[in-house]
Amino acid sequence: MGLGALGLALWAYREVTAATGGPLGAPLDDSYIHFQFARSFARFRPFEYVAGAPRVAGATSLLWPALLTPAIWLGASAQGLIALTWVLGFGALFGQAAEVFLSGRRFLSRPAACAGGLVVLTFSANTWFAASAMEVVPLGWLLLRSARRAAEYVEVPRCVWRERELVALALLTSLMRPEGALAALCIGAALAWRRRALLALMTLAAPLTVPIVNWLLTGHATQTTTLAKWLVTNPYYEGRVWSSVLANVELLFGTLWDGRQWSWTFIPEGYKLLGLLSLPALAAVAWLRGAKVLGAFLCVVGLGILIPTSYETFLVNRLRYLWPFSAPWLLGLAALGELLALPLATKRRELLWLGLALPAAAGGAFAKLSPVSVSDVAQSAAAITAQQVSLGRWAAANLPRDARIGVNDAGAISYFSERRTFDIVGLTTLGEARFWVGGAGSRFEHYERMPRAELPTHFFVYPEWFGVPSLLGECLTERRVEGATILGGPLMVACRADYASLGSGAKPLVDLRGRPALDELDVADLESEAGHGYVLGAATAQENLVEGWQGRFDGGRGRRYHERFRLRVQPGGLLVVRLSAQLPGELRLFVAGAQVGGARFESGQFQELQIPIAESAAAGLQAVELHGSQLLTVLHYWSYGRVL
């Protein structure tokens, strides 16, 4: 198995260096985010993503960058760090195969256990991510070892050194990624079974280490990744988190497990039935052969694959959140083969060997996809090198030292430019995640509130992702890479920032100086919406946008029929509504549940309707509703009193 892992590493090395033209490259921009955090550890300024910037709880793994820190002290370059991650990644791949074999030996025949380990090596997602400079494969190894060692602790006599290893495994796996809490759960259960209550509590508390460290060093316990990517914290999924998770579960087992769409690189088409039966088969064989605890713990690790279904980024980066939990399912293929052969083996034991046919066939099907996967990791590394790495190097050579670069990919550009970056997504810049989740309009409104000195001087972005073209000034250079699906788009531009449009839509077009201003709701401005109890309803981030007309720009929300919020109004006053519409229609205004006005709108952008408020309307801060007869994009509300 060790030779198999080494062979895969050499194969991947040859393909990657051929695609990049010489140096090793990382196939994911996120890899360089780990390198940046490793730099902050090496400077003894942990979580300071860019020197001099506020610390941010943006490291999804504390252990992975910590493992790279000594290499930085020794002067390792980017290629040196990538080479180190390959050693750790392919070493962990061998470790996964070995752990699958050792676990399988507890309830499978030796040939079947060996077959399970070999299937781990043929599963090309493991090769892809061992070469990714990410913590995916090492996390999978730690989870497997934790499950096996915890089960052994329950099923064989206890010894002190094993308890120490278990506590260490719980801590290390929790530090590797938040999903490592599964290891702490298995180990805590094992210690509690042996009535080691204090150790069990310590182990179960291990996942709290990361939030505590984040809070102590940054003042924020929650990781920025959680705010940016978890469905639970996304306001657009309020009231439908469970339905979204269930839809992702159906997508996982109905589409991805069948080798279609996003998973075709790693899983052969038509695999679904075998995939669904594999983990239950593992549990059944382990139960029949007296390894109930090990079977249970392996199933816990395997079912961890459901955790990513609660992420909005469930399908990104070659499904990288799924694969740390894949090994128990792969071992389950060997268990399924042996389970099917058991009735035959009761008559002739030699027939048990027939059970190897199933994992051999599955491993062969996986192996056939390996050339595709290895080629893909090589092309992905070349694409990241040609786009983000190249732009980072360009910035280092051409931008002043005090430049501040706004980025939607925060890794390689930060690492190679050594300039301060402003992470639009909010993974590495404090406080930006909620505005990225909100959408382009909310970012525009947020930038209006920010001091100009804190905003980027340049933007290195995918224009279609950025969504606010008015902020992109003179473009200085660009990198176009066609056909690379790992990228956010073929074109990334490097432009000067242009903030002339900020604040341009702050006032209504009409002159209402004869009326006192009572209140203002700036739609898509998250602070303004929160202060006015604005009800999102069935909104999405894609409908959160910026519109412009004759040099005036404003953020807003599209596809709105009904609006509900609180606003200060006055009988005899006036409500000014800025909106856009594709079709003409009618708008009705309700205050405190009673209709108090209305107006017609035409098709077109940036209309400002003046709706008189009836004398019968309730006064003061009231619940306001607007009902439109056609879909609208609503941008702004102003409330004025009666004419003085």
Foldseek 3Di string as FASTA:
>chain_A
DLVLLVVLLVLLVVLQCVLQVHFHFALALVLQQLVQQLVCVLVVQHQQSAPPAARALQDQAPVLSVVQNVVVVVPDDPSRLLVVLLCVLSVLLLLLLVLQLVLCVLQHPNVLSNLLSLLSSLQQVSSLVSNNSACLSVLLSLLSVLLVLLLCCQVDPHDDVSLVVLLVSLQNSLNGGVLSLLSLVSNLVSCVSVVVNVSSVSSNCNNQPQLVVCCVNRVGSDALCCCQWFLVNQPLCVPPLVVQLVVLVCCVLVALCQLHDLNVLRAPHRRNVLLVQLLVLLCVSCVVSVSNSSSVSLVSLLVSLSVLSRTNCCRADSNSVRPSSCSSSSSSQSSVLQVVQVVVCVVPVVSSVSSSVRSVVRSVSRNVSNVVSSNLSSNSRSLCCQAQLVLLQVLLVPPDQAFEEEECSPGNNCSRNSHHYDHCCCSSHPPNNNQLSQALQQVLLVVLPDDPVPDGQKYFYDCVSNQCVVQFDAWDDKGADPDRPNDPHRITTIGGTDCQQRPLAVDAPDDDVQWAWFWKAFASNVVSCVVWVKDQPNFGRVQFHWDDDPSHIFTWGWFDFKIKTKGFAAAQKKKKWWKAAQAKWKKWKDWQRHTFWIDIDGHGHGDIDIITGHNPHDGTITMMMMGIPGIMITGMMIITYHGD
